[in-house]
Amino acid sequence: MITAAAVKAVVNGEEHVFPVHRHGDFYLWMKYLHCNYDKSKVEQGFLDWNQLEQKTEFVSREEAFERARWAGQVEAWKPPQPLYSEDLW
């Protein structure tokens, strides 16, 4: 089940995953906090709760769409596409 939009990025020299309400929020936070980040290594995706493994993992927009469809969070009839936070909330 998709639980949050997220961004994976190298910030201040370390890779992190940032849960966000909307993907654009990440860029605002980086600006407000004056963080150094590698723009070429920013990946937008989502956090997925894996019930079987009891853990949250970062997944790409495309993988998130498939998982959201499987969990009933988006309509099953939609063709595969990248997932956007607007599709969920």
PDB file of N, CA and C in Angstrom:
ATOM      1  N   MET A   1       0.842  -1.175   0.000  1.00  0.00           N
ATOM      2  CA  MET A   1       0.000   0.000   0.000  1.00  0.00           C
ATOM      3  C   MET A   1       0.886   1.237   0.000  1.00  0.00           C
ATOM      4  N   ILE A   2       0.596   2.159  -0.907  1.00  0.00           N
ATOM      5  CA  ILE A   2       1.352   3.409  -0.985  1.00  0.00           C
ATOM      6  C   ILE A   2       0.928   4.290   0.189  1.00  0.00           C
ATOM      7  N   THR A   3       1.914   4.741   0.968  1.00  0.00           N
ATOM      8  CA  THR A   3       1.618   5.529   2.171  1.00  0.00           C
ATOM      9  C   THR A   3       2.026   6.989   2.064  1.00  0.00           C
ATOM     10  N   ALA A   4       2.943   7.319   1.147  1.00  0.00           N
ATOM     11  CA  ALA A   4       3.396   8.709   1.032  1.00  0.00           C
ATOM     12  C   ALA A   4       4.143   8.911  -0.272  1.00  0.00           C
ATOM     13  N   ALA A   5       4.099  10.145  -0.764  1.00  0.00           N
ATOM     14  CA  ALA A   5       5.012  10.537  -1.838  1.00  0.00           C
ATOM     15  C   ALA A   5       6.395  10.658  -1.192  1.00  0.00           C
ATOM     16  N   ALA A   6       7.438  10.480  -1.974  1.00  0.00           N
ATOM     17  CA  ALA A   6       8.788  10.544  -1.409  1.00  0.00           C
ATOM     18  C   ALA A   6       9.778  10.958  -2.480  1.00  0.00           C
ATOM     19  N   VAL A   7      10.911  11.457  -2.010  1.00  0.00           N
ATOM     20  CA  VAL A   7      12.010  11.827  -2.894  1.00  0.00           C
ATOM     21  C   VAL A   7      13.276  11.198  -2.336  1.00  0.00           C
ATOM     22  N   LYS A   8      14.031  10.526  -3.210  1.00  0.00           N
ATOM     23  CA  LYS A   8      15.336   9.985  -2.840  1.00  0.00           C
ATOM     24  C   LYS A   8      16.370  10.925  -3.427  1.00  0.00           C
ATOM     25  N   ALA A   9      17.295  11.405  -2.576  1.00  0.00           N
ATOM     26  CA  ALA A   9      18.275  12.376  -3.046  1.00  0.00           C
ATOM     27  C   ALA A   9      19.547  12.320  -2.216  1.00  0.00           C
ATOM     28  N   VAL A  10      20.631  12.774  -2.815  1.00  0.00           N
ATOM     29  CA  VAL A  10      21.894  12.934  -2.105  1.00  0.00           C
ATOM     30  C   VAL A  10      21.924  14.369  -1.578  1.00  0.00           C
ATOM     31  N   VAL A  11      21.843  14.509  -0.251  1.00  0.00           N
ATOM     32  CA  VAL A  11      21.805  15.816   0.404  1.00  0.00           C
ATOM     33  C   VAL A  11      22.975  15.894   1.378  1.00  0.00           C
ATOM     34  N   ASN A  12      23.727  16.957   1.265  1.00  0.00           N
ATOM     35  CA  ASN A  12      24.913  17.143   2.106  1.00  0.00           C
ATOM     36  C   ASN A  12      25.817  15.908   2.076  1.00  0.00           C
ATOM     37  N   GLY A  13      25.922  15.296   0.899  1.00  0.00           N
ATOM     38  CA  GLY A  13      26.832  14.183   0.688  1.00  0.00           C
ATOM     39  C   GLY A  13      26.309  12.805   1.047  1.00  0.00           C
ATOM     40  N   GLU A  14      25.084  12.693   1.551  1.00  0.00           N
ATOM     41  CA  GLU A  14      24.528  11.399   1.935  1.00  0.00           C
ATOM     42  C   GLU A  14      23.178  11.173   1.263  1.00  0.00           C
ATOM     43  N   GLU A  15      22.919   9.921   0.863  1.00  0.00           N
ATOM     44  CA  GLU A  15      21.630   9.606   0.248  1.00  0.00           C
ATOM     45  C   GLU A  15      20.571   9.424   1.328  1.00  0.00           C
ATOM     46  N   HIS A  16      19.422  10.053   1.110  1.00  0.00           N
ATOM     47  CA  HIS A  16      18.300   9.976   2.039  1.00  0.00           C
ATOM     48  C   HIS A  16      17.010   9.832   1.258  1.00  0.00           C
ATOM     49  N   VAL A  17      15.982   9.338   1.933  1.00  0.00           N
ATOM     50  CA  VAL A  17      14.627   9.307   1.388  1.00  0.00           C
ATOM     51  C   VAL A  17      13.790  10.240   2.249  1.00  0.00           C
ATOM     52  N   PHE A  18      13.114  11.182   1.590  1.00  0.00           N
ATOM     53  CA  PHE A  18      12.314  12.194   2.268  1.00  0.00           C
ATOM     54  C   PHE A  18      10.831  11.981   1.957  1.00  0.00           C
ATOM     55  N   PRO A  19      10.015  11.639   2.953  1.00  0.00           N
ATOM     56  CA  PRO A  19       8.569  11.597   2.727  1.00  0.00           C
ATOM     57  C   PRO A  19       8.055  13.025   2.551  1.00  0.00           C
ATOM     58  N   VAL A  20       7.198  13.241   1.588  1.00  0.00           N
ATOM     59  CA  VAL A  20       6.646  14.581   1.322  1.00  0.00           C
ATOM     60  C   VAL A  20       5.172  14.448   0.983  1.00  0.00           C
ATOM     61  N   HIS A  21       4.437  15.540   1.148  1.00  0.00           N
ATOM     62  CA  HIS A  21       3.029  15.523   0.757  1.00  0.00           C
ATOM     63  C   HIS A  21       2.916  15.553  -0.770  1.00  0.00           C
ATOM     64  N   ARG A  22       3.660  16.452  -1.383  1.00  0.00           N
ATOM     65  CA  ARG A  22       3.776  16.543  -2.840  1.00  0.00           C
ATOM     66  C   ARG A  22       5.265  16.571  -3.173  1.00  0.00           C
ATOM     67  N   HIS A  23       5.633  16.035  -4.322  1.00  0.00           N
ATOM     68  CA  HIS A  23       7.051  15.953  -4.675  1.00  0.00           C
ATOM     69  C   HIS A  23       7.732  17.319  -4.699  1.00  0.00           C
ATOM     70  N   GLY A  24       7.023  18.345  -5.130  1.00  0.00           N
ATOM     71  CA  GLY A  24       7.595  19.687  -5.185  1.00  0.00           C
ATOM     72  C   GLY A  24       7.978  20.240  -3.825  1.00  0.00           C
ATOM     73  N   ASP A  25       7.386  19.692  -2.757  1.00  0.00           N
ATOM     74  CA  ASP A  25       7.727  20.161  -1.410  1.00  0.00           C
ATOM     75  C   ASP A  25       9.203  19.946  -1.093  1.00  0.00           C
ATOM     76  N   PHE A  26       9.775  18.884  -1.650  1.00  0.00           N
ATOM     77  CA  PHE A  26      11.196  18.598  -1.410  1.00  0.00           C
ATOM     78  C   PHE A  26      12.063  19.785  -1.818  1.00  0.00           C
ATOM     79  N   TYR A  27      11.808  20.341  -2.973  1.00  0.00           N
ATOM     80  CA  TYR A  27      12.626  21.445  -3.476  1.00  0.00           C
ATOM     81  C   TYR A  27      12.447  22.696  -2.623  1.00  0.00           C
ATOM     82  N   LEU A  28      11.255  22.920  -2.120  1.00  0.00           N
ATOM     83  CA  LEU A  28      11.031  24.060  -1.222  1.00  0.00           C
ATOM     84  C   LEU A  28      11.816  23.892   0.070  1.00  0.00           C
ATOM     85  N   TRP A  29      11.773  22.685   0.639  1.00  0.00           N
ATOM     86  CA  TRP A  29      12.519  22.440   1.874  1.00  0.00           C
ATOM     87  C   TRP A  29      14.025  22.599   1.660  1.00  0.00           C
ATOM     88  N   MET A  30      14.529  22.118   0.551  1.00  0.00           N
ATOM     89  CA  MET A  30      15.961  22.258   0.286  1.00  0.00           C
ATOM     90  C   MET A  30      16.341  23.738   0.187  1.00  0.00           C
ATOM     91  N   LYS A  31      15.477  24.516  -0.434  1.00  0.00           N
ATOM     92  CA  LYS A  31      15.726  25.952  -0.569  1.00  0.00           C
ATOM     93  C   LYS A  31      15.657  26.649   0.791  1.00  0.00           C
ATOM     94  N   TYR A  32      14.600  26.371   1.546  1.00  0.00           N
ATOM     95  CA  TYR A  32      14.418  27.021   2.849  1.00  0.00           C
ATOM     96  C   TYR A  32      15.519  26.671   3.838  1.00  0.00           C
ATOM     97  N   LEU A  33      15.997  25.416   3.788  1.00  0.00           N
ATOM     98  CA  LEU A  33      17.017  24.960   4.730  1.00  0.00           C
ATOM     99  C   LEU A  33      18.440  25.163   4.217  1.00  0.00           C
ATOM    100  N   HIS A  34      18.564  25.704   2.998  1.00  0.00           N
ATOM    101  CA  HIS A  34      19.879  25.976   2.391  1.00  0.00           C
ATOM    102  C   HIS A  34      20.743  24.710   2.339  1.00  0.00           C
ATOM    103  N   CYS A  35      20.132  23.609   1.919  1.00  0.00           N
ATOM    104  CA  CYS A  35      20.847  22.336   1.819  1.00  0.00           C
ATOM    105  C   CYS A  35      21.516  22.206   0.458  1.00  0.00           C
ATOM    106  N   ASN A  36      22.646  21.537   0.451  1.00  0.00           N
ATOM    107  CA  ASN A  36      23.326  21.213  -0.799  1.00  0.00           C
ATOM    108  C   ASN A  36      22.841  19.841  -1.240  1.00  0.00           C
ATOM    109  N   TYR A  37      22.351  19.763  -2.476  1.00  0.00           N
ATOM    110  CA  TYR A  37      21.922  18.463  -2.982  1.00  0.00           C
ATOM    111  C   TYR A  37      22.282  18.359  -4.449  1.00  0.00           C
ATOM    112  N   ASP A  38      22.509  17.130  -4.863  1.00  0.00           N
ATOM    113  CA  ASP A  38      22.899  16.843  -6.235  1.00  0.00           C
ATOM    114  C   ASP A  38      21.629  16.701  -7.064  1.00  0.00           C
ATOM    115  N   LYS A  39      21.309  17.717  -7.856  1.00  0.00           N
ATOM    116  CA  LYS A  39      20.072  17.721  -8.632  1.00  0.00           C
ATOM    117  C   LYS A  39      19.996  16.560  -9.625  1.00  0.00           C
ATOM    118  N   SER A  40      21.147  16.054 -10.048  1.00  0.00           N
ATOM    119  CA  SER A  40      21.145  14.947 -11.010  1.00  0.00           C
ATOM    120  C   SER A  40      20.811  13.607 -10.353  1.00  0.00           C
ATOM    121  N   LYS A  41      20.804  13.565  -9.023  1.00  0.00           N
ATOM    122  CA  LYS A  41      20.527  12.313  -8.315  1.00  0.00           C
ATOM    123  C   LYS A  41      19.221  12.370  -7.525  1.00  0.00           C
ATOM    124  N   VAL A  42      18.331  13.259  -7.901  1.00  0.00           N
ATOM    125  CA  VAL A  42      17.018  13.350  -7.261  1.00  0.00           C
ATOM    126  C   VAL A  42      16.062  12.414  -7.996  1.00  0.00           C
ATOM    127  N   GLU A  43      15.432  11.514  -7.249  1.00  0.00           N
ATOM    128  CA  GLU A  43      14.460  10.592  -7.843  1.00  0.00           C
ATOM    129  C   GLU A  43      13.131  10.731  -7.108  1.00  0.00           C
ATOM    130  N   GLN A  44      12.083  11.004  -7.862  1.00  0.00           N
ATOM    131  CA  GLN A  44      10.756  11.107  -7.274  1.00  0.00           C
ATOM    132  C   GLN A  44      10.087   9.740  -7.297  1.00  0.00           C
ATOM    133  N   GLY A  45       9.473   9.396  -6.184  1.00  0.00           N
ATOM    134  CA  GLY A  45       8.797   8.108  -6.083  1.00  0.00           C
ATOM    135  C   GLY A  45       7.798   8.126  -4.947  1.00  0.00           C
ATOM    136  N   PHE A  46       7.611   6.958  -4.338  1.00  0.00           N
ATOM    137  CA  PHE A  46       6.635   6.817  -3.259  1.00  0.00           C
ATOM    138  C   PHE A  46       7.156   5.835  -2.226  1.00  0.00           C
ATOM    139  N   LEU A  47       6.558   5.896  -1.042  1.00  0.00           N
ATOM    140  CA  LEU A  47       6.833   4.907  -0.013  1.00  0.00           C
ATOM    141  C   LEU A  47       5.720   3.878  -0.043  1.00  0.00           C
ATOM    142  N   ASP A  48       6.116   2.607  -0.029  1.00  0.00           N
ATOM    143  CA  ASP A  48       5.168   1.507  -0.065  1.00  0.00           C
ATOM    144  C   ASP A  48       5.360   0.662   1.189  1.00  0.00           C
ATOM    145  N   TRP A  49       4.254   0.391   1.899  1.00  0.00           N
ATOM    146  CA  TRP A  49       4.299  -0.490   3.050  1.00  0.00           C
ATOM    147  C   TRP A  49       4.168  -1.924   2.551  1.00  0.00           C
ATOM    148  N   ASN A  50       5.222  -2.716   2.782  1.00  0.00           N
ATOM    149  CA  ASN A  50       5.246  -4.115   2.368  1.00  0.00           C
ATOM    150  C   ASN A  50       4.779  -4.956   3.556  1.00  0.00           C
ATOM    151  N   GLN A  51       3.538  -5.413   3.498  1.00  0.00           N
ATOM    152  CA  GLN A  51       2.944  -6.162   4.611  1.00  0.00           C
ATOM    153  C   GLN A  51       3.685  -7.466   4.877  1.00  0.00           C
ATOM    154  N   LEU A  52       4.107  -8.157   3.815  1.00  0.00           N
ATOM    155  CA  LEU A  52       4.786  -9.445   4.000  1.00  0.00           C
ATOM    156  C   LEU A  52       6.109  -9.303   4.726  1.00  0.00           C
ATOM    157  N   GLU A  53       6.872  -8.285   4.359  1.00  0.00           N
ATOM    158  CA  GLU A  53       8.196  -8.084   4.971  1.00  0.00           C
ATOM    159  C   GLU A  53       8.156  -7.120   6.151  1.00  0.00           C
ATOM    160  N   GLN A  54       6.982  -6.540   6.411  1.00  0.00           N
ATOM    161  CA  GLN A  54       6.798  -5.599   7.520  1.00  0.00           C
ATOM    162  C   GLN A  54       7.805  -4.455   7.472  1.00  0.00           C
ATOM    163  N   LYS A  55       7.907  -3.829   6.287  1.00  0.00           N
ATOM    164  CA  LYS A  55       8.812  -2.689   6.138  1.00  0.00           C
ATOM    165  C   LYS A  55       8.306  -1.746   5.067  1.00  0.00           C
ATOM    166  N   THR A  56       8.780  -0.527   5.143  1.00  0.00           N
ATOM    167  CA  THR A  56       8.473   0.487   4.137  1.00  0.00           C
ATOM    168  C   THR A  56       9.645   0.565   3.183  1.00  0.00           C
ATOM    169  N   GLU A  57       9.344   0.667   1.889  1.00  0.00           N
ATOM    170  CA  GLU A  57      10.420   0.793   0.910  1.00  0.00           C
ATOM    171  C   GLU A  57      10.095   1.876  -0.107  1.00  0.00           C
ATOM    172  N   PHE A  58      11.144   2.498  -0.627  1.00  0.00           N
ATOM    173  CA  PHE A  58      11.017   3.502  -1.674  1.00  0.00           C
ATOM    174  C   PHE A  58      10.859   2.786  -3.002  1.00  0.00           C
ATOM    175  N   VAL A  59       9.859   3.221  -3.788  1.00  0.00           N
ATOM    176  CA  VAL A  59       9.645   2.645  -5.121  1.00  0.00           C
ATOM    177  C   VAL A  59       9.474   3.762  -6.139  1.00  0.00           C
ATOM    178  N   SER A  60       9.801   3.474  -7.383  1.00  0.00           N
ATOM    179  CA  SER A  60       9.675   4.450  -8.468  1.00  0.00           C
ATOM    180  C   SER A  60       8.202   4.776  -8.717  1.00  0.00           C
ATOM    181  N   ARG A  61       7.963   5.822  -9.494  1.00  0.00           N
ATOM    182  CA  ARG A  61       6.591   6.195  -9.853  1.00  0.00           C
ATOM    183  C   ARG A  61       5.878   5.057 -10.594  1.00  0.00           C
ATOM    184  N   GLU A  62       6.591   4.375 -11.479  1.00  0.00           N
ATOM    185  CA  GLU A  62       5.992   3.297 -12.263  1.00  0.00           C
ATOM    186  C   GLU A  62       5.643   2.096 -11.372  1.00  0.00           C
ATOM    187  N   GLU A  63       6.576   1.710 -10.504  1.00  0.00           N
ATOM    188  CA  GLU A  63       6.317   0.595  -9.589  1.00  0.00           C
ATOM    189  C   GLU A  63       5.214   0.961  -8.605  1.00  0.00           C
ATOM    190  N   ALA A  64       5.202   2.208  -8.163  1.00  0.00           N
ATOM    191  CA  ALA A  64       4.170   2.666  -7.229  1.00  0.00           C
ATOM    192  C   ALA A  64       2.779   2.543  -7.850  1.00  0.00           C
ATOM    193  N   PHE A  65       2.663   2.845  -9.141  1.00  0.00           N
ATOM    194  CA  PHE A  65       1.362   2.717  -9.800  1.00  0.00           C
ATOM    195  C   PHE A  65       0.871   1.278  -9.743  1.00  0.00           C
ATOM    196  N   GLU A  66       1.747   0.338 -10.049  1.00  0.00           N
ATOM    197  CA  GLU A  66       1.355  -1.079 -10.028  1.00  0.00           C
ATOM    198  C   GLU A  66       0.957  -1.514  -8.625  1.00  0.00           C
ATOM    199  N   ARG A  67       1.703  -1.081  -7.636  1.00  0.00           N
ATOM    200  CA  ARG A  67       1.388  -1.466  -6.254  1.00  0.00           C
ATOM    201  C   ARG A  67       0.095  -0.800  -5.772  1.00  0.00           C
ATOM    202  N   ALA A  68      -0.125   0.443  -6.181  1.00  0.00           N
ATOM    203  CA  ALA A  68      -1.364   1.136  -5.805  1.00  0.00           C
ATOM    204  C   ALA A  68      -2.559   0.467  -6.472  1.00  0.00           C
ATOM    205  N   ARG A  69      -2.388   0.041  -7.698  1.00  0.00           N
ATOM    206  CA  ARG A  69      -3.473  -0.656  -8.398  1.00  0.00           C
ATOM    207  C   ARG A  69      -3.779  -1.980  -7.694  1.00  0.00           C
ATOM    208  N   TRP A  70      -2.752  -2.710  -7.338  1.00  0.00           N
ATOM    209  CA  TRP A  70      -2.921  -3.989  -6.647  1.00  0.00           C
ATOM    210  C   TRP A  70      -3.623  -3.796  -5.300  1.00  0.00           C
ATOM    211  N   ALA A  71      -3.317  -2.682  -4.609  1.00  0.00           N
ATOM    212  CA  ALA A  71      -3.904  -2.406  -3.293  1.00  0.00           C
ATOM    213  C   ALA A  71      -5.283  -1.749  -3.389  1.00  0.00           C
ATOM    214  N   GLY A  72      -5.746  -1.458  -4.614  1.00  0.00           N
ATOM    215  CA  GLY A  72      -7.046  -0.842  -4.787  1.00  0.00           C
ATOM    216  C   GLY A  72      -7.042   0.662  -4.547  1.00  0.00           C
ATOM    217  N   GLN A  73      -5.871   1.284  -4.614  1.00  0.00           N
ATOM    218  CA  GLN A  73      -5.770   2.722  -4.401  1.00  0.00           C
ATOM    219  C   GLN A  73      -6.024   3.520  -5.678  1.00  0.00           C
ATOM    220  N   VAL A  74      -5.874   2.884  -6.831  1.00  0.00           N
ATOM    221  CA  VAL A  74      -6.225   3.489  -8.119  1.00  0.00           C
ATOM    222  C   VAL A  74      -7.077   2.472  -8.877  1.00  0.00           C
ATOM    223  N   GLU A  75      -7.831   2.956  -9.842  1.00  0.00           N
ATOM    224  CA  GLU A  75      -8.727   2.085 -10.594  1.00  0.00           C
ATOM    225  C   GLU A  75      -7.943   1.009 -11.339  1.00  0.00           C
ATOM    226  N   ALA A  76      -8.457  -0.209 -11.277  1.00  0.00           N
ATOM    227  CA  ALA A  76      -7.785  -1.349 -11.909  1.00  0.00           C
ATOM    228  C   ALA A  76      -7.771  -1.248 -13.425  1.00  0.00           C
ATOM    229  N   TRP A  77      -8.716  -0.522 -14.019  1.00  0.00           N
ATOM    230  CA  TRP A  77      -8.821  -0.449 -15.478  1.00  0.00           C
ATOM    231  C   TRP A  77      -7.803   0.502 -16.101  1.00  0.00           C
ATOM    232  N   LYS A  78      -7.157   1.351 -15.299  1.00  0.00           N
ATOM    233  CA  LYS A  78      -6.203   2.319 -15.870  1.00  0.00           C
ATOM    234  C   LYS A  78      -4.984   1.602 -16.438  1.00  0.00           C
ATOM    235  N   PRO A  79      -4.493   2.044 -17.591  1.00  0.00           N
ATOM    236  CA  PRO A  79      -3.267   1.441 -18.138  1.00  0.00           C
ATOM    237  C   PRO A  79      -2.064   1.849 -17.293  1.00  0.00           C
ATOM    238  N   PRO A  80      -0.993   1.047 -17.305  1.00  0.00           N
ATOM    239  CA  PRO A  80       0.200   1.391 -16.530  1.00  0.00           C
ATOM    240  C   PRO A  80       0.722   2.786 -16.882  1.00  0.00           C
ATOM    241  N   GLN A  81       1.094   3.521 -15.865  1.00  0.00           N
ATOM    242  CA  GLN A  81       1.605   4.885 -16.036  1.00  0.00           C
ATOM    243  C   GLN A  81       2.342   5.284 -14.775  1.00  0.00           C
ATOM    244  N   PRO A  82       3.122   6.350 -14.817  1.00  0.00           N
ATOM    245  CA  PRO A  82       3.741   6.826 -13.581  1.00  0.00           C
ATOM    246  C   PRO A  82       2.658   7.317 -12.618  1.00  0.00           C
ATOM    247  N   LEU A  83       2.859   7.066 -11.334  1.00  0.00           N
ATOM    248  CA  LEU A  83       1.908   7.508 -10.326  1.00  0.00           C
ATOM    249  C   LEU A  83       2.245   8.926  -9.888  1.00  0.00           C
ATOM    250  N   TYR A  84       1.232   9.729  -9.667  1.00  0.00           N
ATOM    251  CA  TYR A  84       1.382  11.086  -9.141  1.00  0.00           C
ATOM    252  C   TYR A  84       0.613  11.171  -7.836  1.00  0.00           C
ATOM    253  N   SER A  85       1.090  11.991  -6.917  1.00  0.00           N
ATOM    254  CA  SER A  85       0.421  12.100  -5.631  1.00  0.00           C
ATOM    255  C   SER A  85      -1.039  12.525  -5.807  1.00  0.00           C
ATOM    256  N   GLU A  86      -1.327  13.303  -6.834  1.00  0.00           N
ATOM    257  CA  GLU A  86      -2.697  13.715  -7.102  1.00  0.00           C
ATOM    258  C   GLU A  86      -3.621  12.527  -7.410  1.00  0.00           C
ATOM    259  N   ASP A  87      -3.038  11.412  -7.839  1.00  0.00           N
ATOM    260  CA  ASP A  87      -3.832  10.208  -8.105  1.00  0.00           C
ATOM    261  C   ASP A  87      -4.360   9.579  -6.812  1.00  0.00           C
ATOM    262  N   LEU A  88      -3.718   9.899  -5.696  1.00  0.00           N
ATOM    263  CA  LEU A  88      -4.068   9.263  -4.429  1.00  0.00           C
ATOM    264  C   LEU A  88      -4.738  10.201  -3.438  1.00  0.00           C
ATOM    265  N   TRP A  89      -4.246  11.444  -3.357  1.00  0.00           N
ATOM    266  CA  TRP A  89      -4.782  12.394  -2.375  1.00  0.00           C
ATOM    267  C   TRP A  89      -4.643  13.801  -2.845  1.00  0.00           C
TER     268      TRP A  89
END
